[in-house]
């Protein structure tokens, strides 16, 4: 965690496994999303999973930005 520095106001994790959180962070959020790299199916189906996760993260970031403003 040395590379991320200190003093974060908001920390968001999106992984299912344990993610390190800086000790001096303010708001800590854990957003659960499936790991798109583990998606089954052909290339088109896998791409659809990546897009769904991407869009879900984008929507939550926008909502968080509205909440914080």
PDB file of N, CA and C in Angstrom:
ATOM      1  N   UNK A   1       0.805  -1.192   0.000  1.00  0.00           N
ATOM      2  CA  UNK A   1       0.000   0.000   0.000  1.00  0.00           C
ATOM      3  C   UNK A   1       0.852   1.261   0.000  1.00  0.00           C
ATOM      4  N   UNK A   2       2.145   1.129   0.057  1.00  0.00           N
ATOM      5  CA  UNK A   2       3.006   2.313   0.072  1.00  0.00           C
ATOM      6  C   UNK A   2       2.821   3.181  -1.163  1.00  0.00           C
ATOM      7  N   UNK A   3       2.535   2.558  -2.293  1.00  0.00           N
ATOM      8  CA  UNK A   3       2.444   3.306  -3.543  1.00  0.00           C
ATOM      9  C   UNK A   3       1.198   4.176  -3.643  1.00  0.00           C
ATOM     10  N   UNK A   4       0.185   3.969  -2.810  1.00  0.00           N
ATOM     11  CA  UNK A   4      -1.033   4.773  -2.910  1.00  0.00           C
ATOM     12  C   UNK A   4      -1.013   6.003  -2.023  1.00  0.00           C
ATOM     13  N   UNK A   5      -0.057   6.116  -1.148  1.00  0.00           N
ATOM     14  CA  UNK A   5       0.030   7.299  -0.303  1.00  0.00           C
ATOM     15  C   UNK A   5      -0.954   7.248   0.848  1.00  0.00           C
ATOM     16  N   UNK A   6      -1.185   8.422   1.438  1.00  0.00           N
ATOM     17  CA  UNK A   6      -2.056   8.511   2.607  1.00  0.00           C
ATOM     18  C   UNK A   6      -3.061   9.634   2.440  1.00  0.00           C
ATOM     19  N   UNK A   7      -4.055   9.632   3.298  1.00  0.00           N
ATOM     20  CA  UNK A   7      -4.985  10.734   3.339  1.00  0.00           C
ATOM     21  C   UNK A   7      -6.085  10.711   2.304  1.00  0.00           C
ATOM     22  N   UNK A   8      -6.644   9.565   2.002  1.00  0.00           N
ATOM     23  CA  UNK A   8      -7.723   9.460   1.019  1.00  0.00           C
ATOM     24  C   UNK A   8      -9.053   9.816   1.666  1.00  0.00           C
ATOM     25  N   UNK A   9      -9.880  10.591   0.968  1.00  0.00           N
ATOM     26  CA  UNK A   9     -11.214  10.934   1.459  1.00  0.00           C
ATOM     27  C   UNK A   9     -12.210   9.812   1.207  1.00  0.00           C
ATOM     28  N   UNK A  10     -12.075   9.150   0.072  1.00  0.00           N
ATOM     29  CA  UNK A  10     -12.990   8.072  -0.309  1.00  0.00           C
ATOM     30  C   UNK A  10     -12.172   6.931  -0.902  1.00  0.00           C
ATOM     31  N   UNK A  11     -12.464   5.723  -0.448  1.00  0.00           N
ATOM     32  CA  UNK A  11     -11.838   4.527  -1.011  1.00  0.00           C
ATOM     33  C   UNK A  11     -12.957   3.592  -1.451  1.00  0.00           C
ATOM     34  N   UNK A  12     -12.909   3.185  -2.712  1.00  0.00           N
ATOM     35  CA  UNK A  12     -13.906   2.261  -3.256  1.00  0.00           C
ATOM     36  C   UNK A  12     -13.183   1.017  -3.750  1.00  0.00           C
ATOM     37  N   UNK A  13     -13.614  -0.148  -3.270  1.00  0.00           N
ATOM     38  CA  UNK A  13     -13.080  -1.404  -3.785  1.00  0.00           C
ATOM     39  C   UNK A  13     -14.169  -2.073  -4.617  1.00  0.00           C
ATOM     40  N   UNK A  14     -13.764  -2.781  -5.639  1.00  0.00           N
ATOM     41  CA  UNK A  14     -14.725  -3.460  -6.516  1.00  0.00           C
ATOM     42  C   UNK A  14     -14.424  -4.949  -6.658  1.00  0.00           C
ATOM     43  N   UNK A  15     -13.590  -5.463  -5.790  1.00  0.00           N
ATOM     44  CA  UNK A  15     -13.218  -6.871  -5.897  1.00  0.00           C
ATOM     45  C   UNK A  15     -13.921  -7.685  -4.816  1.00  0.00           C
ATOM     46  N   UNK A  16     -14.090  -8.955  -5.079  1.00  0.00           N
ATOM     47  CA  UNK A  16     -14.708  -9.841  -4.098  1.00  0.00           C
ATOM     48  C   UNK A  16     -13.713 -10.311  -3.048  1.00  0.00           C
ATOM     49  N   UNK A  17     -12.450 -10.336  -3.404  1.00  0.00           N
ATOM     50  CA  UNK A  17     -11.448 -10.779  -2.442  1.00  0.00           C
ATOM     51  C   UNK A  17     -11.073  -9.621  -1.527  1.00  0.00           C
ATOM     52  N   UNK A  18     -10.317  -9.928  -0.526  1.00  0.00           N
ATOM     53  CA  UNK A  18      -9.899  -8.906   0.429  1.00  0.00           C
ATOM     54  C   UNK A  18      -9.003  -7.884  -0.255  1.00  0.00           C
ATOM     55  N   UNK A  19      -9.389  -6.630  -0.149  1.00  0.00           N
ATOM     56  CA  UNK A  19      -8.622  -5.547  -0.756  1.00  0.00           C
ATOM     57  C   UNK A  19      -8.060  -4.665   0.346  1.00  0.00           C
ATOM     58  N   UNK A  20      -6.788  -4.325   0.277  1.00  0.00           N
ATOM     59  CA  UNK A  20      -6.230  -3.447   1.306  1.00  0.00           C
ATOM     60  C   UNK A  20      -6.839  -2.051   1.217  1.00  0.00           C
ATOM     61  N   UNK A  21      -7.080  -1.441   2.370  1.00  0.00           N
ATOM     62  CA  UNK A  21      -7.632  -0.091   2.434  1.00  0.00           C
ATOM     63  C   UNK A  21      -6.664   0.764   3.232  1.00  0.00           C
ATOM     64  N   UNK A  22      -6.305   1.933   2.706  1.00  0.00           N
ATOM     65  CA  UNK A  22      -5.402   2.807   3.455  1.00  0.00           C
ATOM     66  C   UNK A  22      -5.984   3.112   4.835  1.00  0.00           C
ATOM     67  N   UNK A  23      -5.144   3.093   5.870  1.00  0.00           N
ATOM     68  CA  UNK A  23      -5.651   3.277   7.232  1.00  0.00           C
ATOM     69  C   UNK A  23      -6.275   4.648   7.483  1.00  0.00           C
ATOM     70  N   UNK A  24      -5.875   5.664   6.776  1.00  0.00           N
ATOM     71  CA  UNK A  24      -6.393   7.005   7.012  1.00  0.00           C
ATOM     72  C   UNK A  24      -7.393   7.424   5.945  1.00  0.00           C
ATOM     73  N   UNK A  25      -8.198   6.523   5.526  1.00  0.00           N
ATOM     74  CA  UNK A  25      -9.206   6.877   4.531  1.00  0.00           C
ATOM     75  C   UNK A  25     -10.501   7.235   5.247  1.00  0.00           C
ATOM     76  N   UNK A  26     -11.273   8.094   4.623  1.00  0.00           N
ATOM     77  CA  UNK A  26     -12.543   8.512   5.203  1.00  0.00           C
ATOM     78  C   UNK A  26     -13.630   7.515   4.881  1.00  0.00           C
ATOM     79  N   UNK A  27     -14.392   7.794   3.859  1.00  0.00           N
ATOM     80  CA  UNK A  27     -15.501   6.938   3.438  1.00  0.00           C
ATOM     81  C   UNK A  27     -14.958   5.688   2.749  1.00  0.00           C
ATOM     82  N   UNK A  28     -15.369   4.521   3.236  1.00  0.00           N
ATOM     83  CA  UNK A  28     -14.930   3.246   2.650  1.00  0.00           C
ATOM     84  C   UNK A  28     -16.145   2.533   2.066  1.00  0.00           C
ATOM     85  N   UNK A  29     -16.101   2.285   0.776  1.00  0.00           N
ATOM     86  CA  UNK A  29     -17.207   1.624   0.088  1.00  0.00           C
ATOM     87  C   UNK A  29     -16.706   0.357  -0.589  1.00  0.00           C
ATOM     88  N   UNK A  30     -17.514  -0.677  -0.547  1.00  0.00           N
ATOM     89  CA  UNK A  30     -17.186  -1.923  -1.232  1.00  0.00           C
ATOM     90  C   UNK A  30     -18.316  -2.228  -2.200  1.00  0.00           C
ATOM     91  N   UNK A  31     -18.019  -2.102  -3.461  1.00  0.00           N
ATOM     92  CA  UNK A  31     -19.005  -2.373  -4.507  1.00  0.00           C
ATOM     93  C   UNK A  31     -18.705  -3.738  -5.089  1.00  0.00           C
ATOM     94  N   UNK A  32     -19.626  -4.644  -4.970  1.00  0.00           N
ATOM     95  CA  UNK A  32     -19.438  -6.011  -5.463  1.00  0.00           C
ATOM     96  C   UNK A  32     -19.817  -6.107  -6.936  1.00  0.00           C
ATOM     97  N   UNK A  33     -18.880  -6.536  -7.719  1.00  0.00           N
ATOM     98  CA  UNK A  33     -19.111  -6.793  -9.139  1.00  0.00           C
ATOM     99  C   UNK A  33     -18.490  -8.137  -9.476  1.00  0.00           C
ATOM    100  N   UNK A  34     -19.100  -8.889 -10.369  1.00  0.00           N
ATOM    101  CA  UNK A  34     -18.476 -10.146 -10.783  1.00  0.00           C
ATOM    102  C   UNK A  34     -17.167  -9.857 -11.520  1.00  0.00           C
ATOM    103  N   UNK A  35     -16.248 -10.781 -11.422  1.00  0.00           N
ATOM    104  CA  UNK A  35     -14.969 -10.640 -12.117  1.00  0.00           C
ATOM    105  C   UNK A  35     -15.197 -10.960 -13.592  1.00  0.00           C
ATOM    106  N   UNK A  36     -15.157  -9.951 -14.462  1.00  0.00           N
ATOM    107  CA  UNK A  36     -15.451 -10.209 -15.870  1.00  0.00           C
ATOM    108  C   UNK A  36     -14.413 -11.100 -16.546  1.00  0.00           C
ATOM    109  N   UNK A  37     -13.221 -11.176 -15.979  1.00  0.00           N
ATOM    110  CA  UNK A  37     -12.204 -12.032 -16.595  1.00  0.00           C
ATOM    111  C   UNK A  37     -12.545 -13.513 -16.436  1.00  0.00           C
ATOM    112  N   UNK A  38     -13.508 -13.819 -15.575  1.00  0.00           N
ATOM    113  CA  UNK A  38     -13.914 -15.211 -15.363  1.00  0.00           C
ATOM    114  C   UNK A  38     -15.197 -15.563 -16.118  1.00  0.00           C
ATOM    115  N   UNK A  39     -15.646 -14.670 -16.976  1.00  0.00           N
ATOM    116  CA  UNK A  39     -16.887 -14.897 -17.724  1.00  0.00           C
ATOM    117  C   UNK A  39     -16.730 -16.067 -18.691  1.00  0.00           C
ATOM    118  N   UNK A  40     -17.765 -16.874 -18.758  1.00  0.00           N
ATOM    119  CA  UNK A  40     -17.774 -18.006 -19.684  1.00  0.00           C
ATOM    120  C   UNK A  40     -18.401 -17.572 -21.000  1.00  0.00           C
ATOM    121  N   UNK A  41     -18.287 -18.419 -21.973  1.00  0.00           N
ATOM    122  CA  UNK A  41     -18.917 -18.162 -23.260  1.00  0.00           C
ATOM    123  C   UNK A  41     -17.925 -17.753 -24.319  1.00  0.00           C
ATOM    124  N   UNK A  42     -18.481 -17.417 -25.471  1.00  0.00           N
ATOM    125  CA  UNK A  42     -17.621 -16.995 -26.575  1.00  0.00           C
ATOM    126  C   UNK A  42     -17.187 -15.538 -26.356  1.00  0.00           C
ATOM    127  N   UNK A  43     -16.404 -15.031 -27.280  1.00  0.00           N
ATOM    128  CA  UNK A  43     -15.849 -13.687 -27.130  1.00  0.00           C
ATOM    129  C   UNK A  43     -16.940 -12.622 -26.985  1.00  0.00           C
ATOM    130  N   UNK A  44     -18.007 -12.755 -27.741  1.00  0.00           N
ATOM    131  CA  UNK A  44     -19.103 -11.779 -27.675  1.00  0.00           C
ATOM    132  C   UNK A  44     -19.784 -11.799 -26.305  1.00  0.00           C
ATOM    133  N   UNK A  45     -19.987 -12.978 -25.761  1.00  0.00           N
ATOM    134  CA  UNK A  45     -20.616 -13.103 -24.444  1.00  0.00           C
ATOM    135  C   UNK A  45     -19.706 -12.549 -23.346  1.00  0.00           C
ATOM    136  N   UNK A  46     -18.414 -12.826 -23.463  1.00  0.00           N
ATOM    137  CA  UNK A  46     -17.465 -12.307 -22.488  1.00  0.00           C
ATOM    138  C   UNK A  46     -17.404 -10.786 -22.550  1.00  0.00           C
ATOM    139  N   UNK A  47     -17.405 -10.240 -23.751  1.00  0.00           N
ATOM    140  CA  UNK A  47     -17.386  -8.792 -23.921  1.00  0.00           C
ATOM    141  C   UNK A  47     -18.634  -8.160 -23.311  1.00  0.00           C
ATOM    142  N   UNK A  48     -19.762  -8.819 -23.438  1.00  0.00           N
ATOM    143  CA  UNK A  48     -21.003  -8.311 -22.844  1.00  0.00           C
ATOM    144  C   UNK A  48     -20.889  -8.223 -21.322  1.00  0.00           C
ATOM    145  N   UNK A  49     -20.227  -9.209 -20.710  1.00  0.00           N
ATOM    146  CA  UNK A  49     -20.030  -9.185 -19.259  1.00  0.00           C
ATOM    147  C   UNK A  49     -19.117  -8.024 -18.876  1.00  0.00           C
ATOM    148  N   UNK A  50     -18.021  -7.835 -19.607  1.00  0.00           N
ATOM    149  CA  UNK A  50     -17.123  -6.710 -19.333  1.00  0.00           C
ATOM    150  C   UNK A  50     -17.873  -5.385 -19.435  1.00  0.00           C
ATOM    151  N   UNK A  51     -18.700  -5.256 -20.454  1.00  0.00           N
ATOM    152  CA  UNK A  51     -19.453  -4.006 -20.638  1.00  0.00           C
ATOM    153  C   UNK A  51     -20.455  -3.788 -19.510  1.00  0.00           C
ATOM    154  N   UNK A  52     -21.103  -4.850 -19.077  1.00  0.00           N
ATOM    155  CA  UNK A  52     -22.073  -4.731 -17.992  1.00  0.00           C
ATOM    156  C   UNK A  52     -21.384  -4.268 -16.706  1.00  0.00           C
ATOM    157  N   UNK A  53     -20.235  -4.845 -16.399  1.00  0.00           N
ATOM    158  CA  UNK A  53     -19.484  -4.437 -15.211  1.00  0.00           C
ATOM    159  C   UNK A  53     -19.008  -2.994 -15.370  1.00  0.00           C
ATOM    160  N   UNK A  54     -18.466  -2.663 -16.526  1.00  0.00           N
ATOM    161  CA  UNK A  54     -18.019  -1.289 -16.789  1.00  0.00           C
ATOM    162  C   UNK A  54     -19.155  -0.299 -16.584  1.00  0.00           C
ATOM    163  N   UNK A  55     -20.307  -0.602 -17.144  1.00  0.00           N
ATOM    164  CA  UNK A  55     -21.453   0.300 -17.033  1.00  0.00           C
ATOM    165  C   UNK A  55     -21.952   0.404 -15.594  1.00  0.00           C
ATOM    166  N   UNK A  56     -21.903  -0.702 -14.875  1.00  0.00           N
ATOM    167  CA  UNK A  56     -22.309  -0.683 -13.469  1.00  0.00           C
ATOM    168  C   UNK A  56     -21.394   0.177 -12.625  1.00  0.00           C
ATOM    169  N   UNK A  57     -20.088   0.063 -12.857  1.00  0.00           N
ATOM    170  CA  UNK A  57     -19.127   0.891 -12.126  1.00  0.00           C
ATOM    171  C   UNK A  57     -19.333   2.356 -12.479  1.00  0.00           C
ATOM    172  N   UNK A  58     -19.506   2.655 -13.751  1.00  0.00           N
ATOM    173  CA  UNK A  58     -19.712   4.045 -14.184  1.00  0.00           C
ATOM    174  C   UNK A  58     -20.952   4.650 -13.529  1.00  0.00           C
ATOM    175  N   UNK A  59     -22.031   3.889 -13.458  1.00  0.00           N
ATOM    176  CA  UNK A  59     -23.265   4.392 -12.842  1.00  0.00           C
ATOM    177  C   UNK A  59     -23.059   4.683 -11.364  1.00  0.00           C
ATOM    178  N   UNK A  60     -22.344   3.817 -10.688  1.00  0.00           N
ATOM    179  CA  UNK A  60     -22.106   4.035  -9.261  1.00  0.00           C
ATOM    180  C   UNK A  60     -21.167   5.205  -9.023  1.00  0.00           C
ATOM    181  N   UNK A  61     -20.180   5.385  -9.881  1.00  0.00           N
ATOM    182  CA  UNK A  61     -19.282   6.541  -9.750  1.00  0.00           C
ATOM    183  C   UNK A  61     -20.074   7.834  -9.933  1.00  0.00           C
ATOM    184  N   UNK A  62     -20.945   7.868 -10.929  1.00  0.00           N
ATOM    185  CA  UNK A  62     -21.777   9.071 -11.139  1.00  0.00           C
ATOM    186  C   UNK A  62     -22.667   9.345  -9.927  1.00  0.00           C
ATOM    187  N   UNK A  63     -23.278   8.308  -9.381  1.00  0.00           N
ATOM    188  CA  UNK A  63     -24.140   8.476  -8.206  1.00  0.00           C
ATOM    189  C   UNK A  63     -23.331   8.953  -7.002  1.00  0.00           C
ATOM    190  N   UNK A  64     -22.144   8.410  -6.832  1.00  0.00           N
ATOM    191  CA  UNK A  64     -21.281   8.835  -5.728  1.00  0.00           C
ATOM    192  C   UNK A  64     -20.875  10.291  -5.892  1.00  0.00           C
ATOM    193  N   UNK A  65     -20.537  10.690  -7.106  1.00  0.00           N
ATOM    194  CA  UNK A  65     -20.152  12.084  -7.360  1.00  0.00           C
ATOM    195  C   UNK A  65     -21.305  13.027  -7.014  1.00  0.00           C
ATOM    196  N   UNK A  66     -22.523  12.658  -7.368  1.00  0.00           N
ATOM    197  CA  UNK A  66     -23.693  13.489  -7.015  1.00  0.00           C
ATOM    198  C   UNK A  66     -23.861  13.560  -5.501  1.00  0.00           C
ATOM    199  N   UNK A  67     -23.668  12.449  -4.846  1.00  0.00           N
ATOM    200  CA  UNK A  67     -23.812  12.382  -3.385  1.00  0.00           C
ATOM    201  C   UNK A  67     -22.774  13.253  -2.681  1.00  0.00           C
ATOM    202  N   UNK A  68     -21.571  13.274  -3.206  1.00  0.00           N
ATOM    203  CA  UNK A  68     -20.487  14.015  -2.559  1.00  0.00           C
ATOM    204  C   UNK A  68     -20.518  15.505  -2.865  1.00  0.00           C
ATOM    205  N   UNK A  69     -21.232  15.899  -3.902  1.00  0.00           N
ATOM    206  CA  UNK A  69     -21.297  17.326  -4.256  1.00  0.00           C
ATOM    207  C   UNK A  69     -22.364  18.017  -3.524  1.00  0.00           C
TER     208      UNK A  69
END
